[in-house]
C-alpha atoms as a PDB file:
ATOM      1  CA  MET A   1     105.068 103.055 110.093  1.00  0.00           C
ATOM      2  CA  SER A   2     106.391 106.133 109.137  1.00  0.00           C
ATOM      3  CA  GLU A   3     110.602 106.542 108.620  1.00  0.00           C
ATOM      4  CA  ASN A   4     112.171 107.497 112.190  1.00  0.00           C
ATOM      5  CA  LEU A   5     113.937 111.451 111.994  1.00  0.00           C
ATOM      6  CA  THR A   6     117.547 111.894 112.657  1.00  0.00           C
ATOM      7  CA  PHE A   7     119.578 115.073 113.201  1.00  0.00           C
ATOM      8  CA  PHE A   8     122.774 113.484 112.567  1.00  0.00           C
ATOM      9  CA  PRO A   9     124.213 112.398 109.401  1.00  0.00           C
ATOM     10  CA  GLU A  10     125.358 108.634 108.355  1.00  0.00           C
ATOM     11  CA  TYR A  11     128.655 107.762 107.028  1.00  0.00           C
ATOM     12  CA  ASN A  12     129.537 103.928 105.595  1.00  0.00           C
ATOM     13  CA  THR A  13     133.427 105.934 105.888  1.00  0.00           C
ATOM     14  CA  SER A  14     136.652 102.996 105.937  1.00  0.00           C
ATOM     15  CA  LEU A  15     139.080 103.272 108.733  1.00  0.00           C
ATOM     16  CA  GLU A  16     141.838 104.426 106.576  1.00  0.00           C
ATOM     17  CA  GLU A  17     139.700 107.331 105.495  1.00  0.00           C
ATOM     18  CA  ILE A  18     138.382 107.922 108.499  1.00  0.00           C
ATOM     19  CA  SER A  19     142.659 108.045 109.995  1.00  0.00           C
ATOM     20  CA  GLU A  20     142.912 110.197 106.906  1.00  0.00           C
ATOM     21  CA  TYR A  21     140.620 112.405 107.698  1.00  0.00           C
ATOM     22  CA  ILE A  22     141.639 112.586 111.498  1.00  0.00           C
ATOM     23  CA  LYS A  23     145.444 113.791 110.599  1.00  0.00           C
ATOM     24  CA  ARG A  24     143.515 116.883 108.343  1.00  0.00           C
ATOM     25  CA  ILE A  25     140.971 117.840 111.016  1.00  0.00           C
ATOM     26  CA  ILE A  26     142.942 118.240 114.462  1.00  0.00           C
ATOM     27  CA  PRO A  27     145.865 120.479 112.854  1.00  0.00           C
ATOM     28  CA  LEU A  28     142.708 122.297 111.120  1.00  0.00           C
ATOM     29  CA  MET A  29     141.038 123.019 113.937  1.00  0.00           C
ATOM     30  CA  SER A  30     143.913 123.806 116.002  1.00  0.00           C
ATOM     31  CA  LYS A  31     145.231 125.897 113.502  1.00  0.00           C
ATOM     32  CA  HIS A  32     142.457 128.307 114.202  1.00  0.00           C
ATOM     33  CA  LYS A  33     141.478 127.992 117.626  1.00  0.00           C
ATOM     34  CA  ILE A  34     138.710 125.993 117.278  1.00  0.00           C
ATOM     35  CA  ALA A  35     137.713 123.635 120.299  1.00  0.00           C
ATOM     36  CA  ILE A  36     137.630 119.616 119.451  1.00  0.00           C
ATOM     37  CA  ASP A  37     134.820 119.335 121.308  1.00  0.00           C
ATOM     38  CA  PRO A  38     131.999 116.517 118.863  1.00  0.00           C
ATOM     39  CA  LEU A  39     130.040 119.144 117.738  1.00  0.00           C
ATOM     40  CA  ASN A  40     132.446 120.846 116.247  1.00  0.00           C
ATOM     41  CA  PHE A  41     134.687 118.015 115.565  1.00  0.00           C
ATOM     42  CA  THR A  42     131.329 116.663 113.162  1.00  0.00           C
ATOM     43  CA  VAL A  43     131.247 119.733 111.524  1.00  0.00           C
ATOM     44  CA  PHE A  44     134.756 119.901 110.697  1.00  0.00           C
ATOM     45  CA  TYR A  45     134.935 115.735 109.898  1.00  0.00           C
ATOM     46  CA  GLU A  46     132.164 117.008 107.538  1.00  0.00           C
ATOM     47  CA  TYR A  47     134.210 119.785 105.537  1.00  0.00           C
ATOM     48  CA  ILE A  48     137.382 117.753 105.293  1.00  0.00           C
ATOM     49  CA  ALA A  49     134.692 114.762 103.885  1.00  0.00           C
ATOM     50  CA  GLY A  50     134.276 117.181 101.553  1.00  0.00           C
ATOM     51  CA  ARG A  51     130.451 115.671 100.164  1.00  0.00           C
ATOM     52  CA  ASN A  52     128.897 118.566 102.047  1.00  0.00           C
ATOM     53  CA  ILE A  53     129.193 121.399  99.038  1.00  0.00           C
ATOM     54  CA  SER A  54     127.103 124.013 100.885  1.00  0.00           C
ATOM     55  CA  LEU A  55     129.135 123.962 104.263  1.00  0.00           C
ATOM     56  CA  ASN A  56     132.378 123.853 102.802  1.00  0.00           C
ATOM     57  CA  HIS A  57     131.436 126.632 100.782  1.00  0.00           C
ATOM     58  CA  GLU A  58     130.714 128.514 104.352  1.00  0.00           C
ATOM     59  CA  ILE A  59     133.611 127.157 106.130  1.00  0.00           C
ATOM     60  CA  ASP A  60     135.588 128.430 103.070  1.00  0.00           C
ATOM     61  CA  MET A  61     134.365 131.494 103.109  1.00  0.00           C
ATOM     62  CA  LEU A  62     134.693 132.110 107.139  1.00  0.00           C
ATOM     63  CA  LEU A  63     138.143 130.328 106.831  1.00  0.00           C
ATOM     64  CA  SER A  64     139.351 133.141 104.487  1.00  0.00           C
ATOM     65  CA  THR A  65     138.216 135.983 106.530  1.00  0.00           C
ATOM     66  CA  GLN A  66     139.650 134.710 109.101  1.00  0.00           C
ATOM     67  CA  THR A  67     136.404 134.240 111.353  1.00  0.00           C
ATOM     68  CA  VAL A  68     136.496 133.264 115.102  1.00  0.00           C
ATOM     69  CA  PHE A  69     134.388 129.849 115.122  1.00  0.00           C
ATOM     70  CA  THR A  70     132.601 130.701 118.014  1.00  0.00           C
ATOM     71  CA  SER A  71     130.468 127.679 119.919  1.00  0.00           C
ATOM     72  CA  LYS A  72     127.723 129.416 118.593  1.00  0.00           C
ATOM     73  CA  LEU A  73     128.799 129.964 115.502  1.00  0.00           C
ATOM     74  CA  ASN A  74     129.511 126.017 115.050  1.00  0.00           C
ATOM     75  CA  LEU A  75     125.949 125.461 116.268  1.00  0.00           C
ATOM     76  CA  ASN A  76     124.527 127.769 113.361  1.00  0.00           C
ATOM     77  CA  LEU A  77     126.870 125.810 110.761  1.00  0.00           C
ATOM     78  CA  PHE A  78     125.485 122.202 112.271  1.00  0.00           C
ATOM     79  CA  ASN A  79     122.085 123.279 111.835  1.00  0.00           C
ATOM     80  CA  LYS A  80     122.366 125.059 108.679  1.00  0.00           C
ATOM     81  CA  HIS A  81     124.440 122.249 106.756  1.00  0.00           C
ATOM     82  CA  ILE A  82     124.679 118.764 108.556  1.00  0.00           C
ATOM     83  CA  CYS A  83     120.799 118.712 110.564  1.00  0.00           C
ATOM     84  CA  ASN A  84     118.827 116.650 107.950  1.00  0.00           C
ATOM     85  CA  ILE A  85     115.532 117.968 109.015  1.00  0.00           C
ATOM     86  CA  SER A  86     114.964 121.652 109.968  1.00  0.00           C
ATOM     87  CA  LEU A  87     114.871 122.027 113.688  1.00  0.00           C
ATOM     88  CA  LYS A  88     112.769 124.933 113.129  1.00  0.00           C
ATOM     89  CA  SER A  89     109.945 123.216 111.920  1.00  0.00           C
ATOM     90  CA  LEU A  90     110.122 120.403 114.250  1.00  0.00           C
ATOM     91  CA  GLU A  91     110.473 123.654 116.939  1.00  0.00           C
ATOM     92  CA  LYS A  92     107.109 124.821 115.435  1.00  0.00           C
ATOM     93  CA  ILE A  93     105.703 121.925 115.609  1.00  0.00           C
ATOM     94  CA  ASN A  94     106.113 120.726 118.745  1.00  0.00           C
ATOM     95  CA  CYS A  95     104.594 124.399 119.851  1.00  0.00           C
ATOM     96  CA  ASN A  96     101.567 124.303 118.447  1.00  0.00           C
ATOM     97  CA  LEU A  97     100.561 120.721 119.261  1.00  0.00           C
ATOM     98  CA  LEU A  98     101.543 121.771 122.803  1.00  0.00           C
ATOM     99  CA  ASN A  99      98.936 124.712 122.586  1.00  0.00           C
ATOM    100  CA  LEU A 100      96.616 122.477 120.931  1.00  0.00           C
ATOM    101  CA  ILE A 101      96.625 119.637 123.344  1.00  0.00           C
ATOM    102  CA  ASN A 102      96.482 122.351 126.602  1.00  0.00           C
ATOM    103  CA  ASN A 103      93.272 123.832 124.473  1.00  0.00           C
ATOM    104  CA  THR A 104      91.746 121.099 123.795  1.00  0.00           C
ATOM    105  CA  SER A 105      92.944 119.779 127.912  1.00  0.00           C
ATOM    106  CA  GLU A 106      91.265 122.835 129.391  1.00  0.00           C
ATOM    107  CA  ALA A 107      88.105 122.716 127.185  1.00  0.00           C
ATOM    108  CA  ILE A 108      87.389 119.140 127.948  1.00  0.00           C
ATOM    109  CA  ASP A 109      88.661 120.372 131.821  1.00  0.00           C
ATOM    110  CA  ILE A 110      85.819 122.642 131.952  1.00  0.00           C
ATOM    111  CA  THR A 111      83.179 120.610 130.769  1.00  0.00           C
ATOM    112  CA  GLY A 112      83.476 117.874 133.015  1.00  0.00           C
ATOM    113  CA  VAL A 113      83.399 120.296 135.686  1.00  0.00           C
ATOM    114  CA  LYS A 114      80.222 121.775 134.456  1.00  0.00           C
ATOM    115  CA  ALA A 115      79.118 118.458 133.311  1.00  0.00           C
ATOM    116  CA  ASN A 116      79.701 116.999 137.375  1.00  0.00           C
ATOM    117  CA  ALA A 117      77.911 120.150 138.364  1.00  0.00           C
ATOM    118  CA  ALA A 118      74.830 119.621 136.546  1.00  0.00           C
ATOM    119  CA  THR A 119      74.567 116.033 137.943  1.00  0.00           C
ATOM    120  CA  ILE A 120      75.221 116.956 141.063  1.00  0.00           C
ATOM    121  CA  HIS A 121      71.561 119.337 140.708  1.00  0.00           C
ATOM    122  CA  PHE A 122      69.719 117.303 138.373  1.00  0.00           C
ATOM    123  CA  GLN A 123      69.790 114.768 141.407  1.00  0.00           C
ATOM    124  CA  SER A 124      68.903 117.226 143.385  1.00  0.00           C
ATOM    125  CA  TYR A 125      65.840 118.057 141.452  1.00  0.00           C
ATOM    126  CA  SER A 126      64.786 115.236 140.747  1.00  0.00           C
ATOM    127  CA  LYS A 127      64.949 114.223 144.613  1.00  0.00           C
ATOM    128  CA  LYS A 128      62.730 117.113 144.955  1.00  0.00           C
ATOM    129  CA  LEU A 129      60.219 115.899 142.839  1.00  0.00           C
ATOM    130  CA  GLU A 130      59.807 112.907 144.328  1.00  0.00           C
ATOM    131  CA  ASP A 131      58.904 114.635 147.407  1.00  0.00           C
ATOM    132  CA  ASN A 132      55.806 115.292 145.638  1.00  0.00           C
ATOM    133  CA  GLN A 133      55.919 119.709 145.827  1.00  0.00           C
ATOM    134  CA  GLY A 134      53.050 121.600 144.578  1.00  0.00           C
ATOM    135  CA  VAL A 135      52.647 122.474 141.171  1.00  0.00           C
ATOM    136  CA  SER A 136      54.004 125.906 141.921  1.00  0.00           C
ATOM    137  CA  ASP A 137      57.459 124.076 142.776  1.00  0.00           C
ATOM    138  CA  ILE A 138      57.359 122.278 140.144  1.00  0.00           C
ATOM    139  CA  LYS A 139      56.999 124.741 137.814  1.00  0.00           C
ATOM    140  CA  MET A 140      60.367 126.209 139.550  1.00  0.00           C
ATOM    141  CA  ILE A 141      61.722 123.018 139.089  1.00  0.00           C
ATOM    142  CA  LEU A 142      61.342 122.331 135.772  1.00  0.00           C
ATOM    143  CA  THR A 143      62.135 125.932 134.969  1.00  0.00           C
ATOM    144  CA  GLU A 144      65.784 125.346 136.929  1.00  0.00           C
ATOM    145  CA  ILE A 145      66.212 121.930 134.859  1.00  0.00           C
ATOM    146  CA  MET A 146      65.973 123.815 131.486  1.00  0.00           C
ATOM    147  CA  THR A 147      68.608 126.458 132.533  1.00  0.00           C
ATOM    148  CA  GLU A 148      70.379 123.734 133.533  1.00  0.00           C
ATOM    149  CA  THR A 149      70.068 121.514 130.512  1.00  0.00           C
ATOM    150  CA  LEU A 150      70.683 125.226 128.254  1.00  0.00           C
ATOM    151  CA  ASN A 151      73.746 125.694 130.268  1.00  0.00           C
ATOM    152  CA  LEU A 152      74.876 122.352 129.397  1.00  0.00           C
ATOM    153  CA  ALA A 153      74.622 122.333 126.254  1.00  0.00           C
ATOM    154  CA  ALA A 154      76.111 125.419 125.729  1.00  0.00           C
ATOM    155  CA  THR A 155      79.248 124.013 127.326  1.00  0.00           C
ATOM    156  CA  SER A 156      79.025 121.518 125.380  1.00  0.00           C
ATOM    157  CA  SER A 157      78.617 123.100 122.164  1.00  0.00           C
ATOM    158  CA  ILE A 158      81.774 125.303 123.179  1.00  0.00           C
ATOM    159  CA  LEU A 159      83.398 121.417 123.845  1.00  0.00           C
ATOM    160  CA  GLN A 160      82.047 121.186 120.357  1.00  0.00           C
ATOM    161  CA  ASP A 161      83.723 124.084 118.596  1.00  0.00           C
ATOM    162  CA  GLN A 162      86.782 123.350 120.561  1.00  0.00           C
ATOM    163  CA  LEU A 163      87.026 119.536 119.600  1.00  0.00           C
ATOM    164  CA  ASP A 164      86.428 120.502 115.475  1.00  0.00           C
ATOM    165  CA  LYS A 165      89.188 123.404 115.399  1.00  0.00           C
ATOM    166  CA  SER A 166      91.593 120.924 117.207  1.00  0.00           C
ATOM    167  CA  ALA A 167      90.745 118.126 114.392  1.00  0.00           C
ATOM    168  CA  ILE A 168      91.405 120.984 111.768  1.00  0.00           C
ATOM    169  CA  GLU A 169      94.968 121.828 113.858  1.00  0.00           C
ATOM    170  CA  LEU A 170      95.909 118.173 114.326  1.00  0.00           C
ATOM    171  CA  ASN A 171      95.417 117.740 110.575  1.00  0.00           C
ATOM    172  CA  LEU A 172      97.655 120.784 109.660  1.00  0.00           C
ATOM    173  CA  LEU A 173     100.139 119.375 111.337  1.00  0.00           C
ATOM    174  CA  ARG A 174     100.232 116.072 110.177  1.00  0.00           C
ATOM    175  CA  GLN A 175     100.515 118.007 107.072  1.00  0.00           C
ATOM    176  CA  GLU A 176     103.701 120.092 108.448  1.00  0.00           C
ATOM    177  CA  LEU A 177     105.133 116.523 109.968  1.00  0.00           C
ATOM    178  CA  ALA A 178     104.827 115.368 106.759  1.00  0.00           C
ATOM    179  CA  GLU A 179     106.544 118.458 104.572  1.00  0.00           C
ATOM    180  CA  THR A 180     109.404 118.424 107.486  1.00  0.00           C
ATOM    181  CA  ASN A 181     109.770 114.229 106.910  1.00  0.00           C
ATOM    182  CA  GLU A 182     109.839 114.869 103.018  1.00  0.00           C
ATOM    183  CA  MET A 183     112.994 117.466 104.382  1.00  0.00           C
ATOM    184  CA  ALA A 184     114.575 114.753 106.125  1.00  0.00           C
ATOM    185  CA  LYS A 185     115.092 113.061 103.001  1.00  0.00           C
ATOM    186  CA  THR A 186     115.835 114.948 100.424  1.00  0.00           C
ATOM    187  CA  ASP A 187     119.097 117.144  99.424  1.00  0.00           C
ATOM    188  CA  ALA A 188     118.955 120.577 100.061  1.00  0.00           C
ATOM    189  CA  LEU A 189     120.828 122.051  96.703  1.00  0.00           C
ATOM    190  CA  THR A 190     119.536 119.310  93.789  1.00  0.00           C
ATOM    191  CA  GLY A 191     116.275 117.768  95.442  1.00  0.00           C
ATOM    192  CA  LEU A 192     117.449 114.643  95.206  1.00  0.00           C
ATOM    193  CA  PHE A 193     117.375 111.874  97.923  1.00  0.00           C
ATOM    194  CA  ASN A 194     120.327 112.308 100.204  1.00  0.00           C
ATOM    195  CA  ARG A 195     122.721 110.178 101.059  1.00  0.00           C
ATOM    196  CA  ARG A 196     120.762 108.773 104.460  1.00  0.00           C
ATOM    197  CA  THR A 197     117.320 108.031 102.259  1.00  0.00           C
ATOM    198  CA  PHE A 198     119.672 106.033  99.766  1.00  0.00           C
ATOM    199  CA  ASP A 199     120.916 103.513 102.035  1.00  0.00           C
ATOM    200  CA  GLN A 200     117.266 103.012 103.440  1.00  0.00           C
ATOM    201  CA  LYS A 201     115.829 102.971  99.675  1.00  0.00           C
ATOM    202  CA  LEU A 202     118.345 100.348  98.564  1.00  0.00           C
ATOM    203  CA  ASP A 203     118.400  98.168 101.754  1.00  0.00           C
ATOM    204  CA  GLU A 204     115.170  97.825 101.553  1.00  0.00           C
ATOM    205  CA  HIS A 205     114.795  96.829  97.730  1.00  0.00           C
ATOM    206  CA  ILE A 206     117.862  94.644  98.491  1.00  0.00           C
ATOM    207  CA  ASN A 207     115.804  92.795 101.060  1.00  0.00           C
ATOM    208  CA  THR A 208     112.869  92.472  98.476  1.00  0.00           C
ATOM    209  CA  ASN A 209     114.901  91.146  96.088  1.00  0.00           C
ATOM    210  CA  LYS A 210     115.830  88.063  98.440  1.00  0.00           C
ATOM    211  CA  GLN A 211     111.606  87.752  98.943  1.00  0.00           C
ATOM    212  CA  ASP A 212     111.022  88.040  95.478  1.00  0.00           C
ATOM    213  CA  ASN A 213     113.739  87.746  93.267  1.00  0.00           C
ATOM    214  CA  SER A 214     113.212  91.126  91.594  1.00  0.00           C
ATOM    215  CA  GLU A 215     115.624  92.488  89.007  1.00  0.00           C
ATOM    216  CA  LEU A 216     117.621  95.481  90.880  1.00  0.00           C
ATOM    217  CA  CYS A 217     120.421  97.622  88.974  1.00  0.00           C
ATOM    218  CA  LEU A 218     122.310 101.072  90.447  1.00  0.00           C
ATOM    219  CA  LEU A 219     124.083 103.670  88.428  1.00  0.00           C
ATOM    220  CA  LEU A 220     127.349 105.541  90.202  1.00  0.00           C
ATOM    221  CA  LEU A 221     127.341 109.006  88.358  1.00  0.00           C
ATOM    222  CA  ASP A 222     130.454 111.095  89.118  1.00  0.00           C
ATOM    223  CA  LEU A 223     130.879 114.735  86.893  1.00  0.00           C
ATOM    224  CA  ASP A 224     134.121 114.764  85.222  1.00  0.00           C
ATOM    225  CA  HIS A 225     136.120 117.460  86.245  1.00  0.00           C
ATOM    226  CA  PHE A 226     134.080 118.692  88.346  1.00  0.00           C
ATOM    227  CA  LYS A 227     136.908 120.847  90.586  1.00  0.00           C
ATOM    228  CA  LYS A 228     138.073 122.813  87.413  1.00  0.00           C
ATOM    229  CA  VAL A 229     134.125 124.025  86.848  1.00  0.00           C
ATOM    230  CA  ASN A 230     134.720 125.353  90.618  1.00  0.00           C
ATOM    231  CA  ASP A 231     137.728 126.385  90.095  1.00  0.00           C
ATOM    232  CA  THR A 232     137.312 128.267  86.968  1.00  0.00           C
ATOM    233  CA  PHE A 233     134.038 130.177  87.534  1.00  0.00           C
ATOM    234  CA  GLY A 234     132.914 129.562  91.490  1.00  0.00           C
ATOM    235  CA  HIS A 235     131.012 127.575  93.317  1.00  0.00           C
ATOM    236  CA  GLN A 236     128.080 128.770  92.540  1.00  0.00           C
ATOM    237  CA  VAL A 237     128.093 128.326  88.788  1.00  0.00           C
ATOM    238  CA  GLY A 238     129.517 124.718  90.521  1.00  0.00           C
ATOM    239  CA  ASP A 239     125.828 124.532  92.134  1.00  0.00           C
ATOM    240  CA  ASN A 240     123.693 125.311  89.329  1.00  0.00           C
ATOM    241  CA  VAL A 241     125.963 122.491  87.146  1.00  0.00           C
ATOM    242  CA  LEU A 242     124.876 119.956  90.252  1.00  0.00           C
ATOM    243  CA  ARG A 243     121.214 121.039  90.009  1.00  0.00           C
ATOM    244  CA  TYR A 244     121.077 120.971  85.917  1.00  0.00           C
ATOM    245  CA  THR A 245     122.582 117.346  86.372  1.00  0.00           C
ATOM    246  CA  ALA A 246     120.023 116.522  89.073  1.00  0.00           C
ATOM    247  CA  ASN A 247     117.049 117.974  86.782  1.00  0.00           C
ATOM    248  CA  LEU A 248     118.433 116.207  83.269  1.00  0.00           C
ATOM    249  CA  MET A 249     118.415 112.938  85.479  1.00  0.00           C
ATOM    250  CA  LYS A 250     114.678 113.202  86.881  1.00  0.00           C
ATOM    251  CA  GLN A 251     113.572 113.447  83.230  1.00  0.00           C
ATOM    252  CA  HIS A 252     115.208 110.276  82.392  1.00  0.00           C
ATOM    253  CA  ILE A 253     114.592 107.754  84.853  1.00  0.00           C
ATOM    254  CA  ILE A 254     111.029 105.742  85.585  1.00  0.00           C
ATOM    255  CA  ASP A 255     108.770 106.688  88.109  1.00  0.00           C
ATOM    256  CA  HIS A 256     109.575 103.876  90.512  1.00  0.00           C
ATOM    257  CA  HIS A 257     113.671 104.411  90.596  1.00  0.00           C
ATOM    258  CA  TYR A 258     115.176 106.860  93.269  1.00  0.00           C
ATOM    259  CA  ALA A 259     117.556 109.253  92.329  1.00  0.00           C
ATOM    260  CA  ALA A 260     120.275 110.632  95.063  1.00  0.00           C
ATOM    261  CA  ARG A 261     123.197 112.838  95.593  1.00  0.00           C
ATOM    262  CA  TYR A 262     125.567 110.384  96.713  1.00  0.00           C
ATOM    263  CA  GLY A 263     128.234 113.041  97.857  1.00  0.00           C
ATOM    264  CA  GLY A 264     129.708 116.387  96.632  1.00  0.00           C
ATOM    265  CA  GLU A 265     129.401 115.759  92.865  1.00  0.00           C
ATOM    266  CA  GLU A 266     128.570 111.621  92.893  1.00  0.00           C
ATOM    267  CA  MET A 267     124.926 110.681  92.053  1.00  0.00           C
ATOM    268  CA  ALA A 268     122.673 107.603  92.463  1.00  0.00           C
ATOM    269  CA  ILE A 269     120.086 106.024  91.204  1.00  0.00           C
ATOM    270  CA  ILE A 270     118.036 102.914  92.607  1.00  0.00           C
ATOM    271  CA  MET A 271     116.331 101.117  89.435  1.00  0.00           C
ATOM    272  CA  PRO A 272     114.089  97.851  90.848  1.00  0.00           C
ATOM    273  CA  ASP A 273     112.714  96.065  88.580  1.00  0.00           C
ATOM    274  CA  THR A 274     114.816  97.080  85.609  1.00  0.00           C
ATOM    275  CA  PRO A 275     117.170  95.085  83.604  1.00  0.00           C
ATOM    276  CA  PHE A 276     120.331  95.589  83.204  1.00  0.00           C
ATOM    277  CA  ASN A 277     120.086  96.387  79.660  1.00  0.00           C
ATOM    278  CA  LYS A 278     117.680  99.295  80.071  1.00  0.00           C
ATOM    279  CA  ALA A 279     120.419 100.394  83.329  1.00  0.00           C
ATOM    280  CA  MET A 280     122.288 101.007  80.274  1.00  0.00           C
ATOM    281  CA  GLU A 281     120.282 102.315  77.830  1.00  0.00           C
ATOM    282  CA  ILE A 282     119.193 105.146  80.623  1.00  0.00           C
ATOM    283  CA  ALA A 283     122.267 105.789  81.952  1.00  0.00           C
ATOM    284  CA  GLU A 284     123.670 106.576  77.791  1.00  0.00           C
ATOM    285  CA  LYS A 285     120.618 108.459  77.686  1.00  0.00           C
ATOM    286  CA  ILE A 286     121.465 110.768  80.572  1.00  0.00           C
ATOM    287  CA  ARG A 287     125.156 110.819  80.048  1.00  0.00           C
ATOM    288  CA  GLY A 288     124.693 111.648  76.044  1.00  0.00           C
ATOM    289  CA  ALA A 289     122.159 114.559  77.108  1.00  0.00           C
ATOM    290  CA  LEU A 290     124.392 115.715  79.418  1.00  0.00           C
ATOM    291  CA  ALA A 291     127.335 116.063  76.761  1.00  0.00           C
ATOM    292  CA  LYS A 292     125.159 116.828  73.953  1.00  0.00           C
ATOM    293  CA  HIS A 293     125.039 120.928  74.640  1.00  0.00           C
ATOM    294  CA  PRO A 294     127.680 123.732  75.964  1.00  0.00           C
ATOM    295  CA  LEU A 295     126.643 125.051  79.041  1.00  0.00           C
ATOM    296  CA  LYS A 296     125.948 128.695  80.113  1.00  0.00           C
ATOM    297  CA  ARG A 297     125.867 130.835  83.025  1.00  0.00           C
ATOM    298  CA  LYS A 298     122.394 132.467  83.511  1.00  0.00           C
ATOM    299  CA  ASP A 299     123.720 135.619  84.517  1.00  0.00           C
ATOM    300  CA  SER A 300     126.493 136.908  81.871  1.00  0.00           C
ATOM    301  CA  LYS A 301     125.746 133.537  79.220  1.00  0.00           C
ATOM    302  CA  GLU A 302     129.159 132.941  79.306  1.00  0.00           C
ATOM    303  CA  SER A 303     129.724 129.590  77.927  1.00  0.00           C
ATOM    304  CA  ILE A 304     131.036 126.617  80.430  1.00  0.00           C
ATOM    305  CA  GLY A 305     131.926 124.260  77.986  1.00  0.00           C
ATOM    306  CA  ILE A 306     130.943 120.883  77.618  1.00  0.00           C
ATOM    307  CA  VAL A 307     130.539 119.145  80.928  1.00  0.00           C
ATOM    308  CA  THR A 308     130.011 115.363  81.050  1.00  0.00           C
ATOM    309  CA  VAL A 309     129.538 112.711  83.340  1.00  0.00           C
ATOM    310  CA  SER A 310     131.185 108.934  83.956  1.00  0.00           C
ATOM    311  CA  ILE A 311     128.814 106.335  84.799  1.00  0.00           C
ATOM    312  CA  GLY A 312     129.338 102.815  86.964  1.00  0.00           C
ATOM    313  CA  VAL A 313     126.279 100.126  86.143  1.00  0.00           C
ATOM    314  CA  SER A 314     125.774  97.601  89.078  1.00  0.00           C
ATOM    315  CA  SER A 315     123.056  94.744  88.886  1.00  0.00           C
ATOM    316  CA  LEU A 316     122.451  92.837  92.690  1.00  0.00           C
ATOM    317  CA  LYS A 317     123.502  89.197  92.749  1.00  0.00           C
ATOM    318  CA  PRO A 318     122.125  86.413  94.872  1.00  0.00           C
ATOM    319  CA  ASN A 319     125.099  87.538  97.640  1.00  0.00           C
ATOM    320  CA  ASP A 320     124.893  91.181  97.607  1.00  0.00           C
ATOM    321  CA  SER A 321     124.999  93.502 100.049  1.00  0.00           C
ATOM    322  CA  ILE A 322     124.743  97.489  99.876  1.00  0.00           C
ATOM    323  CA  GLU A 323     128.570  97.788 100.062  1.00  0.00           C
ATOM    324  CA  THR A 324     129.489  94.865  97.360  1.00  0.00           C
ATOM    325  CA  LEU A 325     126.781  96.041  95.046  1.00  0.00           C
ATOM    326  CA  VAL A 326     128.108  99.875  95.263  1.00  0.00           C
ATOM    327  CA  GLU A 327     131.649  98.777  94.976  1.00  0.00           C
ATOM    328  CA  ARG A 328     131.041  96.875  91.680  1.00  0.00           C
ATOM    329  CA  ALA A 329     129.077 100.092  89.970  1.00  0.00           C
ATOM    330  CA  ASP A 330     131.939 101.997  91.714  1.00  0.00           C
ATOM    331  CA  LYS A 331     134.297 100.303  90.232  1.00  0.00           C
ATOM    332  CA  ALA A 332     133.083 100.512  86.640  1.00  0.00           C
ATOM    333  CA  MET A 333     132.806 104.049  87.266  1.00  0.00           C
ATOM    334  CA  TYR A 334     136.162 104.678  88.074  1.00  0.00           C
ATOM    335  CA  LEU A 335     137.376 102.672  85.574  1.00  0.00           C
ATOM    336  CA  ALA A 336     134.744 104.988  82.428  1.00  0.00           C
ATOM    337  CA  LYS A 337     136.997 107.504  84.465  1.00  0.00           C
ATOM    338  CA  LYS A 338     140.401 105.862  83.370  1.00  0.00           C
ATOM    339  CA  ASN A 339     139.080 104.958  79.964  1.00  0.00           C
ATOM    340  CA  GLY A 340     138.893 108.679  78.880  1.00  0.00           C
ATOM    341  CA  ARG A 341     135.760 109.704  80.991  1.00  0.00           C
ATOM    342  CA  ASN A 342     132.160 110.603  79.669  1.00  0.00           C
ATOM    343  CA  GLN A 343     131.544 106.845  79.202  1.00  0.00           C
ATOM    344  CA  VAL A 344     129.024 104.413  80.439  1.00  0.00           C
ATOM    345  CA  MET A 345     131.030 101.308  82.034  1.00  0.00           C
ATOM    346  CA  ALA A 346     129.036  97.899  83.070  1.00  0.00           C
ATOM    347  CA  GLU A 347     130.305  96.086  85.900  1.00  0.00           C
ATOM    348  CA  SER A 348     131.238  93.429  83.976  1.00  0.00           C
ATOM    349  CA  LEU A 349     134.187  95.037  81.811  1.00  0.00           C
ATOM    350  CA  VAL A 350     136.177  96.014  85.067  1.00  0.00           C
ATOM    351  CA  ASN A 351     137.787  92.258  85.368  1.00  0.00           C
ATOM    352  CA  LEU A 352     138.550  92.649  81.882  1.00  0.00           C
ATOM    353  CA  ALA A 353     140.250  95.864  81.945  1.00  0.00           C
END
C-alpha cells in the first residue's frame, strides 16, 4: 500500500517550546501587520522554529526590504517551502487523469451507442431472412449486414486505439505520481529523506524490531558552529555545506540505512540490522571525513575552514519508543558538543558524564 501524502508538516515539539515560539510569533506578525490566520501562522511558526532554512532565507530577505506580507505572498511561501509535495505536480496529474477518463469514457459511449444500433439492425436483418426473401433481397440484406459489420469493426478499432493510448497515458501518470511521492519523502536542499519520512521509517523499524528482535541503531548529527558559517560566508555557502555533508553521509552508510535531514543543520541516520559497534564505526568515518580537509567556496575558492560535526549514537532497547531512542542519541550528541565538539559519543557515556 502506498503512503498517504500530506500537504502539511508534522510537529513533535514540546509544550514548553511551543509556548516560547508563540511568544515570538505573535509580536513579529503584529509588528509587520500580518493577519494571524492559520496559514500565515503556520508560515511564521516554521520561520521561528528555524528548521526550514530555505524559508528563513526568503523571509529574512522580505523582512529586510520591508515587503508587505499579503495573503497571496504567504500562500506562495507555504506552497514553496512548507508543502512536502508539489501542488503543481498534483494539479497536472489530476488534470491529465480527468482528460484521460473523459476521452476514454467518450470513446466507450460512442462505441456503445453504435453497438446498440448494430444489434437492432442485425435483429431486423435476421427477421427479414426468416421471411424467405428472394435471392436479390437476400443479397441486399447480406450487403447491408457486411456494411454494418465493417462499420462496427471500425468503431471497435477506434475504441481499441483509445484504450491503448489510455494505457500508455495511465502508465505515464503512474510514473509521475511515483516521482511526486518521492518528492514528498525528500528534503529539497540536501536530497536526504525529510523529517516526516524519518519519523515514519523509525516507527516502522521499531515495530519490526518488536517482532523479530533485530538490531537497530540511530545517529543524530549536528554541524558544529554552523551559525558562524552562515554569518561569515552567507546562507548560500551554508546551504552548500549542508549538501556536502549530506553527500558525505550517503557515501558512508549502507544500502539499507536511511539518512535524513532532521531539522536545520541536524541530520539523522536510521540503521536497521546494524550492531552498535558498526554504527559507531560509520559515525566515526563520517566525522573523520568531514574534518579531514578544509572546505572552499566554489566561486572564489576562498577557504571556509574545517567544518566539523558532533554525533550521538543510540541503540534500540526492548521498551523504547521513537521519543526515548531519539532522546538518548540527542543527549549523546550534546555531550559530544559539551566535551569539545568534533566527536562521536555513545549513549552509554551520557550517564557517566
